[in-house]
Amino acid sequence: MTVRFIKMHANGDDFIVVDMRGKIDPITSEVARRLADRNRGVGFNQLAVVLDCDDAAARLRFWNPNGSILDTCGSATRGVADMLMREADTSSVVLRTNRGLLTCVRESGQSVSVDMGMPLLNWQDIPLAKEVDTNALPLSGSPTACSMGNPHCTFFVVDLAAVDVAAIGPKIETDPLFCNKTNVHFVQIIDRSHIRLRIWERGGGIPLGSGSCSCGAVVGGIRRGLLDDTVSVECDGGTVKVRWNGTDGVVLTGYVEPIFYGTIATHFLQKT
């Protein structure tokens, strides 16, 4: 089987898209892990498989670099939307993920918006191991928690440069409070419409950015009364915009760009 892919990025948050519409999906946990290897594979923060769907333009399945599945990915969703909108010569598209139906819209330049849906704020929906206040978790630093389809834990700090993300992130990711582990955010508030964000990504490490993590961080700041409803999120790789009015879905807007096209060798898919 010939499997083609597109390598893309969203402000450095890189991902590959494999279009398997009308075909049998060959991507397994093991294949995803090997493709994620930046020396022996392609390398990515996430992998998105595009599948046939009856009630949307396509259904998306996402993989982390460690071969685990995730329910949503704001960057890759926007990348697939960019690809399919070009294919259909249209300015909007609806995609199905495990998060539900997500509407994506072409913005100016190379930007795409996606309505990521309402954040889940109940402790059982995140999910957490016990009933706690999700706006002030019983952890050092009193972070917030929510789910955008994936769990998010957000710390607000005075000096982001002083935070050792690589040391703290894995400890919080695997804390027993988080039933399915968690993404971890460290946020420095510049003003009510601008934050600086660094991330420890569940199953991935430190990325240059993350769409769903940007959403989770802004949701936490709005719930705390620290941010307005439209926020510029400055990550290591660039800036995205997140908008949430507290009632409707969280809208993520940012740059996406194809990098190159390739074909995965048949033997690579068949290796064990």
C-alpha atoms as a PDB file:
ATOM      1  CA  MET A   1       0.000   0.000   0.000  1.00  0.00           C
ATOM      2  CA  THR A   2       1.272   3.481  -0.904  1.00  0.00           C
ATOM      3  CA  VAL A   3       0.775   5.924   1.961  1.00  0.00           C
ATOM      4  CA  ARG A   4       1.412   9.596   1.297  1.00  0.00           C
ATOM      5  CA  PHE A   5       1.687  12.288   3.940  1.00  0.00           C
ATOM      6  CA  ILE A   6       1.958  16.031   4.339  1.00  0.00           C
ATOM      7  CA  LYS A   7       4.300  17.540   6.922  1.00  0.00           C
ATOM      8  CA  MET A   8       2.878  20.797   8.302  1.00  0.00           C
ATOM      9  CA  HIS A   9       3.400  23.154  11.209  1.00  0.00           C
ATOM     10  CA  ALA A  10       1.503  25.776  13.175  1.00  0.00           C
ATOM     11  CA  ASN A  11       4.058  28.258  14.491  1.00  0.00           C
ATOM     12  CA  GLY A  12       6.536  25.416  14.890  1.00  0.00           C
ATOM     13  CA  ASP A  13       4.053  22.949  16.389  1.00  0.00           C
ATOM     14  CA  ASP A  14       4.737  20.311  13.749  1.00  0.00           C
ATOM     15  CA  PHE A  15       2.511  17.455  12.656  1.00  0.00           C
ATOM     16  CA  ILE A  16       1.999  15.098   9.757  1.00  0.00           C
ATOM     17  CA  VAL A  17      -1.279  14.415   8.000  1.00  0.00           C
ATOM     18  CA  VAL A  18      -1.994  11.008   6.449  1.00  0.00           C
ATOM     19  CA  ASP A  19      -5.039  10.990   4.166  1.00  0.00           C
ATOM     20  CA  MET A  20      -6.634   7.531   4.278  1.00  0.00           C
ATOM     21  CA  ARG A  21     -10.077   8.400   2.903  1.00  0.00           C
ATOM     22  CA  GLY A  22     -11.301   5.473   0.835  1.00  0.00           C
ATOM     23  CA  LYS A  23      -8.447   3.276   2.090  1.00  0.00           C
ATOM     24  CA  ILE A  24      -7.609   0.969   4.980  1.00  0.00           C
ATOM     25  CA  ASP A  25      -5.827   2.850   7.751  1.00  0.00           C
ATOM     26  CA  PRO A  26      -2.379   1.252   8.350  1.00  0.00           C
ATOM     27  CA  ILE A  27      -1.347   3.508  11.244  1.00  0.00           C
ATOM     28  CA  THR A  28      -0.928   1.631  14.508  1.00  0.00           C
ATOM     29  CA  SER A  29       0.647   2.663  17.802  1.00  0.00           C
ATOM     30  CA  GLU A  30       3.950   1.111  16.732  1.00  0.00           C
ATOM     31  CA  VAL A  31       3.911   2.805  13.302  1.00  0.00           C
ATOM     32  CA  ALA A  32       3.115   6.146  14.929  1.00  0.00           C
ATOM     33  CA  ARG A  33       6.050   5.781  17.353  1.00  0.00           C
ATOM     34  CA  ARG A  34       8.474   5.001  14.539  1.00  0.00           C
ATOM     35  CA  LEU A  35       7.197   7.823  12.328  1.00  0.00           C
ATOM     36  CA  ALA A  36       7.653  10.226  15.248  1.00  0.00           C
ATOM     37  CA  ASP A  37      11.381   9.432  15.521  1.00  0.00           C
ATOM     38  CA  ARG A  38      13.128  12.570  14.247  1.00  0.00           C
ATOM     39  CA  ASN A  39      16.201  10.587  13.203  1.00  0.00           C
ATOM     40  CA  ARG A  40      14.750   7.356  11.794  1.00  0.00           C
ATOM     41  CA  GLY A  41      11.259   8.550  10.884  1.00  0.00           C
ATOM     42  CA  VAL A  42       9.635  11.841   9.911  1.00  0.00           C
ATOM     43  CA  GLY A  43       9.233  13.495  13.302  1.00  0.00           C
ATOM     44  CA  PHE A  44       6.155  15.228  14.664  1.00  0.00           C
ATOM     45  CA  ASN A  45       4.379  16.500  17.756  1.00  0.00           C
ATOM     46  CA  GLN A  46       1.145  14.906  16.502  1.00  0.00           C
ATOM     47  CA  LEU A  47      -0.001  12.696  13.650  1.00  0.00           C
ATOM     48  CA  ALA A  48      -3.461  13.182  12.127  1.00  0.00           C
ATOM     49  CA  VAL A  49      -5.101  10.425  10.088  1.00  0.00           C
ATOM     50  CA  VAL A  50      -7.899  11.630   7.804  1.00  0.00           C
ATOM     51  CA  LEU A  51     -10.717   9.076   7.503  1.00  0.00           C
ATOM     52  CA  ASP A  52     -14.080   8.823   5.741  1.00  0.00           C
ATOM     53  CA  CYS A  53     -17.077  10.244   7.593  1.00  0.00           C
ATOM     54  CA  ASP A  54     -20.827  10.250   6.946  1.00  0.00           C
ATOM     55  CA  ASP A  55     -21.696  13.513   8.701  1.00  0.00           C
ATOM     56  CA  ALA A  56     -18.606  15.675   8.107  1.00  0.00           C
ATOM     57  CA  ALA A  57     -15.963  16.293   5.469  1.00  0.00           C
ATOM     58  CA  ALA A  58     -13.697  13.828   7.301  1.00  0.00           C
ATOM     59  CA  ARG A  59     -13.075  12.134  10.624  1.00  0.00           C
ATOM     60  CA  LEU A  60      -9.708  12.675  12.311  1.00  0.00           C
ATOM     61  CA  ARG A  61      -7.717  10.290  14.472  1.00  0.00           C
ATOM     62  CA  PHE A  62      -4.738  11.743  16.360  1.00  0.00           C
ATOM     63  CA  TRP A  63      -1.551  10.070  17.624  1.00  0.00           C
ATOM     64  CA  ASN A  64       1.094  11.309  20.057  1.00  0.00           C
ATOM     65  CA  PRO A  65       4.816  10.656  19.442  1.00  0.00           C
ATOM     66  CA  ASN A  66       4.772   7.895  22.080  1.00  0.00           C
ATOM     67  CA  GLY A  67       2.076   5.987  20.175  1.00  0.00           C
ATOM     68  CA  SER A  68      -0.835   6.974  22.400  1.00  0.00           C
ATOM     69  CA  ILE A  69      -4.110   8.301  20.991  1.00  0.00           C
ATOM     70  CA  LEU A  70      -5.408  11.768  21.843  1.00  0.00           C
ATOM     71  CA  ASP A  71      -8.929  13.048  21.286  1.00  0.00           C
ATOM     72  CA  THR A  72      -8.165  16.495  19.927  1.00  0.00           C
ATOM     73  CA  CYS A  73      -5.369  18.574  18.445  1.00  0.00           C
ATOM     74  CA  GLY A  74      -6.032  22.202  17.584  1.00  0.00           C
ATOM     75  CA  SER A  75      -2.976  22.592  15.354  1.00  0.00           C
ATOM     76  CA  ALA A  76      -3.482  19.447  13.280  1.00  0.00           C
ATOM     77  CA  THR A  77      -7.228  20.053  13.007  1.00  0.00           C
ATOM     78  CA  ARG A  78      -6.504  23.445  11.477  1.00  0.00           C
ATOM     79  CA  GLY A  79      -3.890  21.883   9.206  1.00  0.00           C
ATOM     80  CA  VAL A  80      -6.330  19.281   7.878  1.00  0.00           C
ATOM     81  CA  ALA A  81      -8.962  22.007   7.477  1.00  0.00           C
ATOM     82  CA  ASP A  82      -6.497  24.058   5.428  1.00  0.00           C
ATOM     83  CA  MET A  83      -5.839  21.044   3.205  1.00  0.00           C
ATOM     84  CA  LEU A  84      -9.515  20.152   2.700  1.00  0.00           C
ATOM     85  CA  MET A  85     -10.639  23.742   2.125  1.00  0.00           C
ATOM     86  CA  ARG A  86      -8.041  24.056  -0.630  1.00  0.00           C
ATOM     87  CA  GLU A  87      -9.181  20.742  -2.076  1.00  0.00           C
ATOM     88  CA  ALA A  88     -12.855  21.803  -2.155  1.00  0.00           C
ATOM     89  CA  ASP A  89     -12.154  25.497  -2.903  1.00  0.00           C
ATOM     90  CA  THR A  90     -14.260  26.573   0.052  1.00  0.00           C
ATOM     91  CA  SER A  91     -13.805  28.880   3.052  1.00  0.00           C
ATOM     92  CA  SER A  92     -15.150  26.553   5.747  1.00  0.00           C
ATOM     93  CA  VAL A  93     -15.265  22.872   6.592  1.00  0.00           C
ATOM     94  CA  VAL A  94     -16.693  20.675   9.355  1.00  0.00           C
ATOM     95  CA  LEU A  95     -14.514  17.887  10.755  1.00  0.00           C
ATOM     96  CA  ARG A  96     -15.357  15.123  13.208  1.00  0.00           C
ATOM     97  CA  THR A  97     -12.984  14.283  16.053  1.00  0.00           C
ATOM     98  CA  ASN A  98     -13.544  12.416  19.313  1.00  0.00           C
ATOM     99  CA  ARG A  99     -14.386  15.888  20.616  1.00  0.00           C
ATOM    100  CA  GLY A 100     -17.381  16.060  18.250  1.00  0.00           C
ATOM    101  CA  LEU A 101     -18.062  18.112  15.132  1.00  0.00           C
ATOM    102  CA  LEU A 102     -15.643  21.041  14.807  1.00  0.00           C
ATOM    103  CA  THR A 103     -16.254  23.929  12.408  1.00  0.00           C
ATOM    104  CA  CYS A 104     -13.161  25.417  10.773  1.00  0.00           C
ATOM    105  CA  VAL A 105     -13.017  28.705   8.842  1.00  0.00           C
ATOM    106  CA  ARG A 106     -10.426  30.282   6.559  1.00  0.00           C
ATOM    107  CA  GLU A 107      -9.129  33.564   7.966  1.00  0.00           C
ATOM    108  CA  SER A 108      -6.836  36.144   6.390  1.00  0.00           C
ATOM    109  CA  GLY A 109      -3.479  35.046   5.075  1.00  0.00           C
ATOM    110  CA  GLN A 110      -2.489  31.531   6.105  1.00  0.00           C
ATOM    111  CA  SER A 111      -4.615  31.477   9.260  1.00  0.00           C
ATOM    112  CA  VAL A 112      -7.444  29.076  10.092  1.00  0.00           C
ATOM    113  CA  SER A 113      -9.951  29.192  12.972  1.00  0.00           C
ATOM    114  CA  VAL A 114     -11.506  26.181  14.653  1.00  0.00           C
ATOM    115  CA  ASP A 115     -14.305  26.103  17.206  1.00  0.00           C
ATOM    116  CA  MET A 116     -12.862  23.622  19.708  1.00  0.00           C
ATOM    117  CA  GLY A 117     -16.136  23.259  21.638  1.00  0.00           C
ATOM    118  CA  MET A 118     -16.981  24.062  25.239  1.00  0.00           C
ATOM    119  CA  PRO A 119     -14.328  23.281  27.850  1.00  0.00           C
ATOM    120  CA  LEU A 120     -15.205  20.528  30.311  1.00  0.00           C
ATOM    121  CA  LEU A 121     -14.856  21.869  33.848  1.00  0.00           C
ATOM    122  CA  ASN A 122     -16.340  19.148  36.063  1.00  0.00           C
ATOM    123  CA  TRP A 123     -13.751  17.009  37.879  1.00  0.00           C
ATOM    124  CA  GLN A 124     -15.302  13.799  36.527  1.00  0.00           C
ATOM    125  CA  ASP A 125     -15.136  14.997  32.926  1.00  0.00           C
ATOM    126  CA  ILE A 126     -11.456  15.987  32.939  1.00  0.00           C
ATOM    127  CA  PRO A 127     -11.159  13.311  34.520  1.00  0.00           C
ATOM    128  CA  LEU A 128      -9.660  13.653  37.993  1.00  0.00           C
ATOM    129  CA  ALA A 129      -9.267  10.902  40.563  1.00  0.00           C
ATOM    130  CA  LYS A 130     -11.392  12.647  43.197  1.00  0.00           C
ATOM    131  CA  GLU A 131     -13.807  15.524  43.624  1.00  0.00           C
ATOM    132  CA  VAL A 132     -11.880  18.792  43.916  1.00  0.00           C
ATOM    133  CA  ASP A 133     -12.279  22.440  42.915  1.00  0.00           C
ATOM    134  CA  THR A 134     -11.029  22.456  39.316  1.00  0.00           C
ATOM    135  CA  ASN A 135     -10.352  26.187  39.530  1.00  0.00           C
ATOM    136  CA  ALA A 136      -7.821  25.619  42.340  1.00  0.00           C
ATOM    137  CA  LEU A 137      -6.425  22.092  42.446  1.00  0.00           C
ATOM    138  CA  PRO A 138      -4.914  20.771  45.714  1.00  0.00           C
ATOM    139  CA  LEU A 139      -1.393  20.873  44.277  1.00  0.00           C
ATOM    140  CA  SER A 140       1.473  23.223  45.039  1.00  0.00           C
ATOM    141  CA  GLY A 141       0.837  26.399  43.072  1.00  0.00           C
ATOM    142  CA  SER A 142      -2.969  25.844  43.007  1.00  0.00           C
ATOM    143  CA  PRO A 143      -3.287  25.298  39.252  1.00  0.00           C
ATOM    144  CA  THR A 144      -6.577  25.177  37.350  1.00  0.00           C
ATOM    145  CA  ALA A 145      -7.786  22.183  35.328  1.00  0.00           C
ATOM    146  CA  CYS A 146     -10.135  21.627  32.410  1.00  0.00           C
ATOM    147  CA  SER A 147     -10.524  19.369  29.409  1.00  0.00           C
ATOM    148  CA  MET A 148     -10.656  20.406  25.778  1.00  0.00           C
ATOM    149  CA  GLY A 149     -11.045  16.739  24.884  1.00  0.00           C
ATOM    150  CA  ASN A 150      -7.600  16.275  26.442  1.00  0.00           C
ATOM    151  CA  PRO A 151      -6.840  17.127  30.106  1.00  0.00           C
ATOM    152  CA  HIS A 152      -5.095  20.429  30.882  1.00  0.00           C
ATOM    153  CA  CYS A 153      -3.483  21.737  34.063  1.00  0.00           C
ATOM    154  CA  THR A 154      -2.507  25.431  34.161  1.00  0.00           C
ATOM    155  CA  PHE A 155      -0.095  27.162  36.540  1.00  0.00           C
ATOM    156  CA  PHE A 156       0.106  30.960  36.695  1.00  0.00           C
ATOM    157  CA  VAL A 157       3.619  32.176  37.415  1.00  0.00           C
ATOM    158  CA  VAL A 158       5.347  35.531  37.897  1.00  0.00           C
ATOM    159  CA  ASP A 159       8.494  34.742  35.905  1.00  0.00           C
ATOM    160  CA  LEU A 160       8.174  32.111  33.184  1.00  0.00           C
ATOM    161  CA  ALA A 161      11.919  32.123  32.556  1.00  0.00           C
ATOM    162  CA  ALA A 162      12.497  30.814  36.082  1.00  0.00           C
ATOM    163  CA  VAL A 163      10.315  27.707  35.554  1.00  0.00           C
ATOM    164  CA  ASP A 164      12.107  24.428  34.817  1.00  0.00           C
ATOM    165  CA  VAL A 165       9.429  23.006  32.502  1.00  0.00           C
ATOM    166  CA  ALA A 166      11.400  19.815  31.785  1.00  0.00           C
ATOM    167  CA  ALA A 167      11.683  18.996  35.496  1.00  0.00           C
ATOM    168  CA  ILE A 168       8.231  20.011  36.734  1.00  0.00           C
ATOM    169  CA  GLY A 169       6.157  19.009  33.718  1.00  0.00           C
ATOM    170  CA  PRO A 170       6.622  15.221  33.891  1.00  0.00           C
ATOM    171  CA  LYS A 171       5.870  15.162  37.631  1.00  0.00           C
ATOM    172  CA  ILE A 172       2.553  16.960  37.154  1.00  0.00           C
ATOM    173  CA  GLU A 173       1.713  14.957  34.016  1.00  0.00           C
ATOM    174  CA  THR A 174       1.866  11.717  35.998  1.00  0.00           C
ATOM    175  CA  ASP A 175       0.423  12.973  39.299  1.00  0.00           C
ATOM    176  CA  PRO A 176      -2.166  10.461  40.616  1.00  0.00           C
ATOM    177  CA  LEU A 177      -4.815  13.196  40.583  1.00  0.00           C
ATOM    178  CA  PHE A 178      -4.966  12.932  36.766  1.00  0.00           C
ATOM    179  CA  CYS A 179      -6.574   9.651  35.731  1.00  0.00           C
ATOM    180  CA  ASN A 180      -5.299   9.855  32.140  1.00  0.00           C
ATOM    181  CA  LYS A 181      -2.235  12.021  32.830  1.00  0.00           C
ATOM    182  CA  THR A 182      -2.369  15.667  31.748  1.00  0.00           C
ATOM    183  CA  ASN A 183      -0.898  18.427  29.628  1.00  0.00           C
ATOM    184  CA  VAL A 184       0.836  20.995  31.828  1.00  0.00           C
ATOM    185  CA  HIS A 185       0.918  24.757  31.152  1.00  0.00           C
ATOM    186  CA  PHE A 186       2.978  27.506  32.708  1.00  0.00           C
ATOM    187  CA  VAL A 187       1.505  30.962  32.084  1.00  0.00           C
ATOM    188  CA  GLN A 188       2.930  34.428  32.630  1.00  0.00           C
ATOM    189  CA  ILE A 189       0.290  37.118  32.190  1.00  0.00           C
ATOM    190  CA  ILE A 190       1.606  40.106  30.220  1.00  0.00           C
ATOM    191  CA  ASP A 191      -1.753  41.895  30.352  1.00  0.00           C
ATOM    192  CA  ARG A 192      -5.422  40.901  30.227  1.00  0.00           C
ATOM    193  CA  SER A 193      -5.253  40.188  26.487  1.00  0.00           C
ATOM    194  CA  HIS A 194      -1.748  38.719  26.231  1.00  0.00           C
ATOM    195  CA  ILE A 195      -0.063  35.743  27.891  1.00  0.00           C
ATOM    196  CA  ARG A 196       3.256  33.991  27.503  1.00  0.00           C
ATOM    197  CA  LEU A 197       2.908  30.180  27.583  1.00  0.00           C
ATOM    198  CA  ARG A 198       5.278  27.253  27.896  1.00  0.00           C
ATOM    199  CA  ILE A 199       4.022  23.672  27.761  1.00  0.00           C
ATOM    200  CA  TRP A 200       4.810  20.164  28.866  1.00  0.00           C
ATOM    201  CA  GLU A 201       2.720  18.041  26.527  1.00  0.00           C
ATOM    202  CA  ARG A 202       1.305  14.700  27.656  1.00  0.00           C
ATOM    203  CA  GLY A 203       3.061  11.996  25.667  1.00  0.00           C
ATOM    204  CA  GLY A 204       5.257  14.481  23.819  1.00  0.00           C
ATOM    205  CA  GLY A 205       7.517  16.665  25.958  1.00  0.00           C
ATOM    206  CA  ILE A 206       8.129  20.372  25.310  1.00  0.00           C
ATOM    207  CA  PRO A 207       6.661  21.623  22.009  1.00  0.00           C
ATOM    208  CA  LEU A 208       7.075  25.039  20.407  1.00  0.00           C
ATOM    209  CA  GLY A 209       3.323  25.454  20.754  1.00  0.00           C
ATOM    210  CA  SER A 210      -0.005  23.665  21.035  1.00  0.00           C
ATOM    211  CA  GLY A 211      -3.468  24.717  19.950  1.00  0.00           C
ATOM    212  CA  SER A 212      -5.465  22.802  22.549  1.00  0.00           C
ATOM    213  CA  CYS A 213      -3.019  23.771  25.309  1.00  0.00           C
ATOM    214  CA  SER A 214      -3.362  27.430  24.334  1.00  0.00           C
ATOM    215  CA  CYS A 215      -7.131  27.011  24.680  1.00  0.00           C
ATOM    216  CA  GLY A 216      -6.841  25.276  28.048  1.00  0.00           C
ATOM    217  CA  ALA A 217      -4.504  27.970  29.400  1.00  0.00           C
ATOM    218  CA  VAL A 218      -6.827  30.803  28.361  1.00  0.00           C
ATOM    219  CA  VAL A 219      -9.853  29.030  29.813  1.00  0.00           C
ATOM    220  CA  GLY A 220      -8.001  28.779  33.132  1.00  0.00           C
ATOM    221  CA  GLY A 221      -7.105  32.472  33.084  1.00  0.00           C
ATOM    222  CA  ILE A 222     -10.649  33.562  32.238  1.00  0.00           C
ATOM    223  CA  ARG A 223     -12.097  31.383  35.005  1.00  0.00           C
ATOM    224  CA  ARG A 224      -9.688  33.023  37.453  1.00  0.00           C
ATOM    225  CA  GLY A 225     -10.799  36.490  36.309  1.00  0.00           C
ATOM    226  CA  LEU A 226      -7.304  37.277  35.058  1.00  0.00           C
ATOM    227  CA  LEU A 227      -7.994  37.544  31.310  1.00  0.00           C
ATOM    228  CA  ASP A 228     -10.440  39.103  28.874  1.00  0.00           C
ATOM    229  CA  ASP A 229     -12.419  36.980  26.422  1.00  0.00           C
ATOM    230  CA  THR A 230      -9.914  37.360  23.556  1.00  0.00           C
ATOM    231  CA  VAL A 231      -6.273  36.606  24.264  1.00  0.00           C
ATOM    232  CA  SER A 232      -3.039  36.486  22.268  1.00  0.00           C
ATOM    233  CA  VAL A 233      -1.124  33.397  23.379  1.00  0.00           C
ATOM    234  CA  GLU A 234       2.618  33.721  22.804  1.00  0.00           C
ATOM    235  CA  CYS A 235       4.324  30.321  22.687  1.00  0.00           C
ATOM    236  CA  ASP A 236       7.968  29.528  21.956  1.00  0.00           C
ATOM    237  CA  GLY A 237       7.200  29.126  18.239  1.00  0.00           C
ATOM    238  CA  GLY A 238       4.745  31.967  17.674  1.00  0.00           C
ATOM    239  CA  THR A 239       1.393  33.438  18.645  1.00  0.00           C
ATOM    240  CA  VAL A 240      -2.192  32.224  18.308  1.00  0.00           C
ATOM    241  CA  LYS A 241      -5.461  33.892  19.293  1.00  0.00           C
ATOM    242  CA  VAL A 242      -7.968  32.249  21.631  1.00  0.00           C
ATOM    243  CA  ARG A 243     -11.494  33.566  22.161  1.00  0.00           C
ATOM    244  CA  TRP A 244     -14.008  32.325  24.744  1.00  0.00           C
ATOM    245  CA  ASN A 245     -17.100  34.160  25.983  1.00  0.00           C
ATOM    246  CA  GLY A 246     -17.738  31.670  28.779  1.00  0.00           C
ATOM    247  CA  THR A 247     -20.853  30.297  27.107  1.00  0.00           C
ATOM    248  CA  ASP A 248     -20.009  29.063  23.620  1.00  0.00           C
ATOM    249  CA  GLY A 249     -17.123  27.030  22.248  1.00  0.00           C
ATOM    250  CA  VAL A 250     -13.480  28.090  22.503  1.00  0.00           C
ATOM    251  CA  VAL A 251     -12.305  29.499  19.155  1.00  0.00           C
ATOM    252  CA  LEU A 252      -8.639  29.026  18.231  1.00  0.00           C
ATOM    253  CA  THR A 253      -7.116  31.042  15.377  1.00  0.00           C
ATOM    254  CA  GLY A 254      -3.595  30.756  14.054  1.00  0.00           C
ATOM    255  CA  TYR A 255      -1.135  30.214  11.251  1.00  0.00           C
ATOM    256  CA  VAL A 256      -0.698  26.840   9.540  1.00  0.00           C
ATOM    257  CA  GLU A 257       1.666  25.978   6.715  1.00  0.00           C
ATOM    258  CA  PRO A 258       2.477  22.892   4.620  1.00  0.00           C
ATOM    259  CA  ILE A 259       6.213  22.086   4.689  1.00  0.00           C
ATOM    260  CA  PHE A 260       6.673  19.106   2.392  1.00  0.00           C
ATOM    261  CA  TYR A 261       4.949  16.093   0.873  1.00  0.00           C
ATOM    262  CA  GLY A 262       6.261  12.531   1.084  1.00  0.00           C
ATOM    263  CA  THR A 263       5.541   8.826   0.754  1.00  0.00           C
ATOM    264  CA  ILE A 264       5.999   6.326   3.566  1.00  0.00           C
ATOM    265  CA  ALA A 265       7.948   3.268   2.383  1.00  0.00           C
ATOM    266  CA  THR A 266       5.900   0.078   2.401  1.00  0.00           C
ATOM    267  CA  HIS A 267       8.514  -1.827   4.415  1.00  0.00           C
ATOM    268  CA  PHE A 268       8.382   0.876   7.120  1.00  0.00           C
ATOM    269  CA  LEU A 269       4.673   0.192   7.669  1.00  0.00           C
ATOM    270  CA  GLN A 270       5.293  -3.558   7.859  1.00  0.00           C
ATOM    271  CA  LYS A 271       8.239  -3.564  10.294  1.00  0.00           C
ATOM    272  CA  THR A 272       7.650  -5.051  13.743  1.00  0.00           C
END
